[in-house]
Amino acid sequence: MKIAAVRPFPVWVGTRNQLLVKIETDEGIFGWGESGLSSREKAVAGAVEHYAQFLVGRDPMRIGALWQEMYRSQYFEGGRVLTAAMSAIDIALHDIKGKALGVPVYDLLGGKQRDRVPTFATTAAEPGEAMIDQAHQLVEAGWDCIRFMSVGQESTAPLDPRRSLAETARWMVRAREALGTDVSLGIDYHHRLSVAEAASFCQRMPSGTLDFLEEPIRDETPTAYEALRRLTDVPFAIGEEFSSKWQFLPFIERDIHQFNRIDVCNVGGLTEAMKVAGWSEAHYVDLMPHNPLGPVCTAATIHLAAAVPNFAWLETRSSPVERHLGFDSSEIFPVQPRLEGAVYPVSDAPGLGIEVDEKALTREPFRFWEAPHLKRPDGSVTNW
C-alpha cells in the first residue's frame, strides 16, 4: 500500500475554522487527521502541502519512520506550525493503519486499558450564581470534575486580570461550599496572569478549594512556573500549547505540574503523545488532554486515553450547560464519539471509528478568524 494523496481541508465548521487532513492510498483506504493550531489554519495547510511532496508514494504503515522524516528532514526542525501539520498527518496514518489491519487505533498503541473515558465539563457562566447553578446541573448529570472560568473571561472590553482575582476567588470558595468535597474543581485562567497575580489568586482561597489551576501564566519560562510552585499548593494543569516532547521535558523532569493538558493535534500526533504519556507515568503525572476542536480530535484523544494507565479526565465541549459551537456537526461527522452521561465509550471500530461527509465538509469555505486581541485599561496588549 502506498500513499496516493495528502489533502488539507481548511474549512469553516460551526463558529470557527477546522483544519482536517485526509490521506488517501492506492488501495482505497483513507484516514482523517486534525490540526490544533486554531486561527492559523492556512499556515498549517501550507506545511501539509510541503510534506505531501515526499509523502506521496510512501508506505503509510511506517508511521514512526515518517514522523522522524517529517521532523528531521529540514534545517529548521519543529515549531507549532510544523508539528500541528505533523499531528494531523500522524493521526490520519493511524486511522489508515487501524483500518488496514481491522483494529481500533488503541490496539496500535498497546491495547485498551479502560472501556470508558471520563471527562470534565466547563460551566458557560462567569463566576456568579448562574455558574453555581450550572455546576449543580453537571453534578446531577454525572460529572465529578468541573472547570470554571474567571471573571471577565469572555469580555472583549479592556481587561485587567488583577481586578478579577478577588471576585473570582470568592466564587471559587462559594462553589466548593455549594458542591461539597466529592467533586473535583478547577479553573482556567488562560495564561492571563503574572506569577505574582497567580500567587495572589491562590492565596485568597483556603487550601483544598481547587483541585487544579489551569494555565495561570505563560509557559515559555519553566523557572517562572517553579517560582509559582513555591508560592501555592494548588496542582497545575498545563501543556495544551506544547508542541513536542522536548517542550514537556522541564515540566515533567522538574515535577512542576501534576496534570498534562496534552493536545494530540498540536504535540505531534499520537506518536509523540504516547512518548509524553510514558514519560509522565514515570513522574506520576496524569493526562488531562486538551480537546477544544472537532470529532476527529476527540476520537484520536479517546484512543490515547484508552491506551495509557495515567489518565484523569478528557475535556468535553458537549455538556448540557456549554454553548453549542457547532464543531461537532452531525451533518459533517455522521459517525463520531458521543457522550454517555459524563463518559465517552471507547469504540471498537477499525481505525479512529469516525466518518466524515466530504461534501458537507467543503460546503462552508475557510473564513479568516482572529481570537480577540485584548488590551489592558492602559492600552497595553495582554493575553487572550
Protein backbone atom coordinates (compact mmCIF):
# COMPACT_ATOMS: atom_id res chain seq x y z
CA MET A 1 0.00 0.00 0.00
CA LYS A 2 1.24 3.48 -0.90
CA ILE A 3 0.11 6.99 -0.05
CA ALA A 4 -1.69 8.43 -3.09
CA ALA A 5 -2.67 11.89 -1.82
CA VAL A 6 -2.38 14.14 1.24
CA ARG A 7 -5.17 16.72 1.20
CA PRO A 8 -5.66 19.54 3.73
CA PHE A 9 -9.18 20.89 4.29
CA PRO A 10 -9.18 24.30 5.99
CA VAL A 11 -12.94 24.85 6.35
CA TRP A 12 -15.47 26.67 8.49
CA VAL A 13 -17.31 24.38 10.93
CA GLY A 14 -19.84 25.89 13.33
CA THR A 15 -18.33 29.08 14.75
CA ARG A 16 -14.68 28.57 13.81
CA ASN A 17 -12.39 27.01 11.24
CA GLN A 18 -11.13 23.45 11.44
CA LEU A 19 -8.18 22.02 9.55
CA LEU A 20 -8.73 18.39 8.66
CA VAL A 21 -6.28 16.30 6.65
CA LYS A 22 -7.30 13.34 4.51
CA ILE A 23 -4.66 10.84 3.43
CA GLU A 24 -5.65 8.54 0.56
CA THR A 25 -3.92 5.33 -0.52
CA ASP A 26 -3.70 3.38 -3.74
CA GLU A 27 -5.75 0.58 -2.14
CA GLY A 28 -8.73 2.80 -1.43
CA ILE A 29 -8.15 3.01 2.33
CA PHE A 30 -8.05 6.55 3.67
CA GLY A 31 -7.56 8.23 7.02
CA TRP A 32 -8.53 11.52 8.67
CA GLY A 33 -6.49 13.74 10.97
CA GLU A 34 -6.93 17.15 12.54
CA SER A 35 -4.61 20.06 13.33
CA GLY A 36 -4.96 22.07 16.52
CA LEU A 37 -3.37 25.43 15.67
CA SER A 38 -6.61 27.41 15.69
CA SER A 39 -6.75 30.68 13.69
CA ARG A 40 -3.58 29.81 11.75
CA GLU A 41 -5.04 27.02 9.60
CA LYS A 42 -3.71 28.41 6.32
CA ALA A 43 -0.14 28.28 7.63
CA VAL A 44 -0.57 24.66 8.72
CA ALA A 45 -2.24 23.71 5.43
CA GLY A 46 0.83 25.08 3.63
CA ALA A 47 3.09 22.90 5.76
CA VAL A 48 0.90 19.87 4.99
CA GLU A 49 1.31 20.60 1.27
CA HIS A 50 5.10 20.73 1.72
CA TYR A 51 5.09 17.35 3.47
CA ALA A 52 2.83 15.88 0.79
CA GLN A 53 5.60 16.34 -1.78
CA PHE A 54 7.62 13.47 -0.30
CA LEU A 55 4.88 11.51 1.46
CA VAL A 56 3.05 10.55 -1.73
CA GLY A 57 4.29 7.14 -2.82
CA ARG A 58 5.46 6.15 0.66
CA ASP A 59 4.29 3.26 2.85
CA PRO A 60 1.63 4.63 5.28
CA MET A 61 2.21 1.76 7.71
CA ARG A 62 5.67 3.10 8.67
CA ILE A 63 4.26 5.79 10.91
CA GLY A 64 7.24 6.25 13.24
CA ALA A 65 9.75 6.49 10.39
CA LEU A 66 7.60 9.02 8.55
CA TRP A 67 7.27 11.07 11.76
CA GLN A 68 11.06 11.21 12.10
CA GLU A 69 11.46 12.15 8.46
CA MET A 70 8.93 14.96 8.69
CA TYR A 71 10.58 16.33 11.84
CA ARG A 72 14.25 15.94 10.91
CA SER A 73 14.36 16.46 7.15
CA GLN A 74 14.66 20.22 7.25
CA TYR A 75 17.16 22.53 8.83
CA PHE A 76 14.55 24.32 10.97
CA GLU A 77 13.00 21.49 12.96
CA GLY A 78 9.84 21.72 15.00
CA GLY A 79 7.73 24.71 15.92
CA ARG A 80 3.96 24.88 16.35
CA VAL A 81 3.07 25.20 12.67
CA LEU A 82 5.11 22.18 11.58
CA THR A 83 4.13 19.93 14.49
CA ALA A 84 0.46 20.86 14.05
CA ALA A 85 0.76 19.67 10.44
CA MET A 86 2.61 16.55 11.55
CA SER A 87 -0.07 15.90 14.17
CA ALA A 88 -2.86 15.81 11.59
CA ILE A 89 -0.81 13.58 9.27
CA ASP A 90 0.19 11.24 12.09
CA ILE A 91 -3.41 10.81 13.27
CA ALA A 92 -4.56 10.10 9.71
CA LEU A 93 -1.83 7.49 9.31
CA HIS A 94 -3.02 5.76 12.48
CA ASP A 95 -6.57 5.80 11.09
CA ILE A 96 -5.30 4.13 7.88
CA LYS A 97 -3.26 1.51 9.70
CA GLY A 98 -6.13 0.60 12.00
CA LYS A 99 -8.49 0.21 9.06
CA ALA A 100 -5.95 -1.82 7.08
CA LEU A 101 -5.43 -4.22 9.98
CA GLY A 102 -9.08 -4.23 11.04
CA VAL A 103 -8.33 -2.99 14.57
CA PRO A 104 -9.15 0.17 16.55
CA VAL A 105 -6.33 2.67 16.91
CA TYR A 106 -5.88 1.92 20.60
CA ASP A 107 -4.67 -1.56 19.61
CA LEU A 108 -1.81 0.14 17.75
CA LEU A 109 -0.90 1.94 20.99
CA GLY A 110 -0.64 -1.14 23.20
CA GLY A 111 -4.28 -2.10 23.67
CA LYS A 112 -7.24 -0.90 25.67
CA GLN A 113 -6.78 -0.22 29.39
CA ARG A 114 -10.25 1.23 30.00
CA ASP A 115 -13.68 0.82 28.45
CA ARG A 116 -14.92 4.32 29.22
CA VAL A 117 -13.11 7.66 29.19
CA PRO A 118 -14.13 10.07 31.97
CA THR A 119 -14.50 13.75 31.09
CA PHE A 120 -14.56 17.12 32.74
CA ALA A 121 -17.10 19.77 31.78
CA THR A 122 -16.93 23.56 31.88
CA THR A 123 -19.58 25.98 33.05
CA ALA A 124 -20.58 28.57 30.46
CA ALA A 125 -21.46 31.26 33.00
CA GLU A 126 -18.86 33.51 34.56
CA PRO A 127 -18.42 33.34 38.35
CA GLY A 128 -21.77 34.06 39.98
CA GLU A 129 -24.99 32.34 40.96
CA ALA A 130 -25.58 31.11 37.39
CA MET A 131 -22.18 29.37 37.50
CA ILE A 132 -23.14 27.57 40.72
CA ASP A 133 -26.48 26.55 39.21
CA GLN A 134 -24.76 25.14 36.11
CA ALA A 135 -22.28 23.24 38.28
CA HIS A 136 -25.18 21.62 40.16
CA GLN A 137 -26.68 20.60 36.79
CA LEU A 138 -23.40 18.98 35.79
CA VAL A 139 -23.14 17.04 39.05
CA GLU A 140 -26.71 15.81 38.61
CA ALA A 141 -25.83 14.72 35.05
CA GLY A 142 -22.91 12.62 36.32
CA TRP A 143 -19.81 14.82 36.19
CA ASP A 144 -17.34 14.57 39.05
CA CYS A 145 -14.89 17.13 37.65
CA ILE A 146 -15.92 20.68 36.75
CA ARG A 147 -13.88 23.55 35.36
CA PHE A 148 -14.75 27.21 35.85
CA MET A 149 -13.63 30.36 34.05
CA SER A 150 -12.51 33.62 35.62
CA VAL A 151 -14.39 36.90 35.85
CA GLY A 152 -14.02 38.70 32.51
CA GLN A 153 -13.05 35.57 30.55
CA GLU A 154 -15.48 36.29 27.71
CA SER A 155 -15.17 40.06 27.73
CA THR A 156 -13.60 41.91 24.81
CA ALA A 157 -13.52 45.17 26.77
CA PRO A 158 -10.24 46.38 28.30
CA LEU A 159 -9.14 43.61 30.65
CA ASP A 160 -7.16 43.93 33.86
CA PRO A 161 -6.72 40.36 35.13
CA ARG A 162 -5.62 41.68 38.53
CA ARG A 163 -9.07 43.13 39.12
CA SER A 164 -10.66 39.71 38.63
CA LEU A 165 -8.67 37.95 41.33
CA ALA A 166 -10.69 38.71 44.45
CA GLU A 167 -14.12 38.21 42.87
CA THR A 168 -13.09 35.01 41.10
CA ALA A 169 -11.54 33.60 44.28
CA ARG A 170 -14.67 34.44 46.27
CA TRP A 171 -16.84 32.46 43.85
CA MET A 172 -14.44 29.51 43.84
CA VAL A 173 -14.84 29.29 47.61
CA ARG A 174 -18.63 29.55 47.19
CA ALA A 175 -18.55 26.76 44.61
CA ARG A 176 -16.64 24.45 46.95
CA GLU A 177 -19.09 25.18 49.76
CA ALA A 178 -22.08 24.56 47.49
CA LEU A 179 -20.79 21.42 45.76
CA GLY A 180 -19.01 19.70 48.63
CA THR A 181 -15.83 17.68 48.62
CA ASP A 182 -16.80 14.81 46.30
CA VAL A 183 -16.37 16.88 43.13
CA SER A 184 -13.03 17.92 41.65
CA LEU A 185 -12.99 21.64 40.85
CA GLY A 186 -10.59 23.73 38.81
CA ILE A 187 -10.28 26.98 36.93
CA ASP A 188 -8.71 28.01 33.62
CA TYR A 189 -7.01 31.41 33.68
CA HIS A 190 -5.96 31.11 30.02
CA HIS A 191 -2.37 32.18 30.84
CA ARG A 192 -3.51 35.73 31.59
CA LEU A 193 -1.73 36.22 34.92
CA SER A 194 1.77 37.05 36.10
CA VAL A 195 3.47 34.92 38.74
CA ALA A 196 2.57 37.47 41.43
CA GLU A 197 -1.06 37.65 40.30
CA ALA A 198 -1.45 33.88 40.15
CA ALA A 199 0.05 33.52 43.63
CA SER A 200 -2.22 36.24 44.99
CA PHE A 201 -5.26 34.48 43.49
CA CYS A 202 -4.39 31.15 45.08
CA GLN A 203 -3.62 32.71 48.46
CA ARG A 204 -7.11 34.25 48.63
CA MET A 205 -8.67 30.77 48.97
CA PRO A 206 -8.43 28.12 51.69
CA SER A 207 -6.23 25.15 50.84
CA GLY A 208 -8.32 22.46 49.14
CA THR A 209 -10.67 24.86 47.38
CA LEU A 210 -9.33 23.94 43.95
CA ASP A 211 -8.07 20.60 42.64
CA PHE A 212 -6.29 22.18 39.70
CA LEU A 213 -5.28 25.57 38.31
CA GLU A 214 -5.07 25.53 34.52
CA GLU A 215 -2.64 27.67 32.52
CA PRO A 216 -2.32 30.54 35.03
CA ILE A 217 0.79 32.02 33.35
CA ARG A 218 2.56 31.64 30.02
CA ASP A 219 4.83 28.63 29.65
CA GLU A 220 7.89 29.97 27.83
CA THR A 221 9.94 30.10 31.05
CA PRO A 222 9.70 26.93 33.17
CA THR A 223 11.51 28.62 36.07
CA ALA A 224 8.60 31.05 36.35
CA TYR A 225 6.31 28.08 36.96
CA GLU A 226 8.81 26.79 39.52
CA ALA A 227 8.59 30.13 41.31
CA LEU A 228 4.80 29.90 41.31
CA ARG A 229 5.01 26.29 42.53
CA ARG A 230 6.80 27.54 45.66
CA LEU A 231 4.03 30.06 46.33
CA THR A 232 0.96 27.80 46.14
CA ASP A 233 -0.09 24.21 46.83
CA VAL A 234 -2.77 24.09 44.09
CA PRO A 235 -1.95 21.41 41.45
CA PHE A 236 -1.14 22.76 37.98
CA ALA A 237 -2.77 21.59 34.75
CA ILE A 238 -0.67 22.84 31.83
CA GLY A 239 0.67 21.85 28.43
CA GLU A 240 -2.07 22.45 25.86
CA GLU A 241 0.23 24.70 23.84
CA PHE A 242 3.24 22.37 23.97
CA SER A 243 4.32 21.19 20.54
CA SER A 244 6.83 18.43 21.32
CA LYS A 245 8.13 16.10 24.00
CA TRP A 246 11.04 18.48 24.40
CA GLN A 247 8.71 21.27 25.47
CA PHE A 248 7.26 18.97 28.14
CA LEU A 249 10.76 17.95 29.30
CA PRO A 250 11.47 20.54 32.03
CA PHE A 251 7.94 20.43 33.41
CA ILE A 252 7.99 16.64 33.77
CA GLU A 253 11.60 16.23 34.87
CA ARG A 254 11.38 19.01 37.48
CA ASP A 255 7.97 17.81 38.78
CA ILE A 256 6.48 21.25 38.18
CA HIS A 257 2.96 20.21 37.16
CA GLN A 258 0.51 17.49 38.12
CA PHE A 259 -1.79 17.22 35.09
CA ASN A 260 -0.68 17.17 31.43
CA ARG A 261 -3.07 19.14 29.21
CA ILE A 262 -1.57 17.45 26.16
CA ASP A 263 -3.16 18.17 22.77
CA VAL A 264 -2.70 15.32 20.26
CA CYS A 265 -3.42 17.76 17.40
CA ASN A 266 -0.54 20.05 18.41
CA VAL A 267 2.09 17.91 20.12
CA GLY A 268 2.94 15.75 17.09
CA GLY A 269 0.03 13.34 16.95
CA LEU A 270 -0.40 10.01 18.68
CA THR A 271 3.23 9.02 18.05
CA GLU A 272 4.55 11.89 20.15
CA ALA A 273 1.69 11.82 22.66
CA MET A 274 2.45 8.22 23.65
CA LYS A 275 6.05 9.18 24.41
CA VAL A 276 4.92 12.07 26.60
CA ALA A 277 2.43 9.75 28.33
CA GLY A 278 5.13 7.22 29.22
CA TRP A 279 7.44 9.92 30.49
CA SER A 280 4.61 11.38 32.55
CA GLU A 281 3.80 7.98 34.05
CA ALA A 282 7.34 7.77 35.42
CA HIS A 283 6.71 11.01 37.33
CA TYR A 284 3.12 10.14 38.38
CA VAL A 285 1.63 12.88 36.21
CA ASP A 286 -1.82 12.12 34.80
CA LEU A 287 -3.00 13.11 31.34
CA MET A 288 -5.86 15.60 31.18
CA PRO A 289 -5.99 16.23 27.42
CA HIS A 290 -6.95 19.46 25.74
CA ASN A 291 -9.86 18.79 23.38
CA PRO A 292 -11.42 22.03 22.06
CA LEU A 293 -11.69 21.04 18.39
CA GLY A 294 -13.80 18.67 16.30
CA PRO A 295 -14.74 14.97 16.43
CA VAL A 296 -11.51 13.80 14.77
CA CYS A 297 -9.53 15.31 17.65
CA THR A 298 -11.97 13.81 20.16
CA ALA A 299 -11.78 10.35 18.60
CA ALA A 300 -7.96 10.36 18.47
CA THR A 301 -7.76 11.51 22.09
CA ILE A 302 -10.19 8.82 23.25
CA HIS A 303 -7.89 6.19 21.73
CA LEU A 304 -4.93 7.77 23.54
CA ALA A 305 -6.92 7.81 26.79
CA ALA A 306 -7.90 4.17 26.34
CA ALA A 307 -4.31 3.04 25.87
CA VAL A 308 -2.49 4.74 28.78
CA PRO A 309 -2.59 3.96 32.52
CA ASN A 310 -2.06 7.52 33.77
CA PHE A 311 -5.26 9.29 32.81
CA ALA A 312 -7.52 11.70 34.69
CA TRP A 313 -10.17 13.38 32.51
CA LEU A 314 -10.73 14.37 28.88
CA GLU A 315 -12.06 17.84 28.12
CA THR A 316 -15.50 17.81 26.51
CA ARG A 317 -17.45 20.64 24.89
CA SER A 318 -20.69 18.64 24.74
CA SER A 319 -22.11 19.03 28.25
CA PRO A 320 -25.69 20.28 28.71
CA VAL A 321 -24.54 23.69 30.01
CA GLU A 322 -21.98 24.54 27.31
CA ARG A 323 -22.71 26.95 24.49
CA HIS A 324 -23.15 24.89 21.32
CA LEU A 325 -20.34 25.94 18.99
CA GLY A 326 -21.17 23.57 16.14
CA PHE A 327 -17.71 21.96 15.99
CA ASP A 328 -19.33 18.50 16.15
CA SER A 329 -21.77 18.96 13.26
CA SER A 330 -23.65 15.69 12.71
CA GLU A 331 -24.05 16.57 9.04
CA ILE A 332 -20.28 16.71 8.54
CA PHE A 333 -19.44 13.96 11.05
CA PRO A 334 -22.29 11.43 10.86
CA VAL A 335 -20.31 8.90 12.91
CA GLN A 336 -18.42 10.41 15.83
CA PRO A 337 -17.86 9.90 19.57
CA ARG A 338 -20.98 10.57 21.66
CA LEU A 339 -21.13 11.10 25.39
CA GLU A 340 -22.97 8.59 27.54
CA GLY A 341 -23.59 10.67 30.63
CA ALA A 342 -20.19 12.08 31.57
CA VAL A 343 -18.06 9.46 29.80
CA TYR A 344 -17.11 8.55 26.26
CA PRO A 345 -17.41 4.84 25.48
CA VAL A 346 -14.34 3.51 23.66
CA SER A 347 -15.20 2.47 20.11
CA ASP A 348 -14.10 -0.93 18.83
CA ALA A 349 -14.49 0.11 15.16
CA PRO A 350 -11.36 -0.15 12.97
CA GLY A 351 -9.23 2.97 12.83
CA LEU A 352 -10.46 6.05 14.65
CA GLY A 353 -14.09 4.99 14.31
CA ILE A 354 -15.29 8.26 12.75
CA GLU A 355 -16.81 9.13 9.39
CA VAL A 356 -16.60 12.44 7.53
CA ASP A 357 -19.03 13.59 4.83
CA GLU A 358 -16.60 15.28 2.46
CA LYS A 359 -19.31 17.10 0.50
CA ALA A 360 -20.77 18.59 3.67
CA LEU A 361 -17.26 19.40 4.92
CA THR A 362 -16.46 21.57 1.91
CA ARG A 363 -19.81 23.36 1.85
CA GLU A 364 -18.59 26.18 4.12
CA PRO A 365 -15.30 27.65 2.87
CA PHE A 366 -12.50 28.92 5.05
CA ARG A 367 -13.04 32.29 6.71
CA PHE A 368 -10.28 34.31 8.29
CA TRP A 369 -10.91 34.42 12.04
CA GLU A 370 -8.90 36.04 14.80
CA ALA A 371 -9.02 35.33 18.51
CA PRO A 372 -9.83 38.51 20.47
CA HIS A 373 -6.92 40.93 20.69
CA LEU A 374 -7.23 42.08 24.30
CA LYS A 375 -5.80 45.18 25.91
CA ARG A 376 -5.45 46.35 29.46
CA PRO A 377 -7.07 49.60 30.61
CA ASP A 378 -3.78 51.44 29.98
CA GLY A 379 -3.76 50.37 26.33
CA SER A 380 -1.08 47.67 26.53
CA VAL A 381 -1.63 44.26 24.97
CA THR A 382 -2.48 41.26 27.15
CA ASN A 383 -3.20 37.57 26.53
CA TRP A 384 -6.44 36.09 25.24
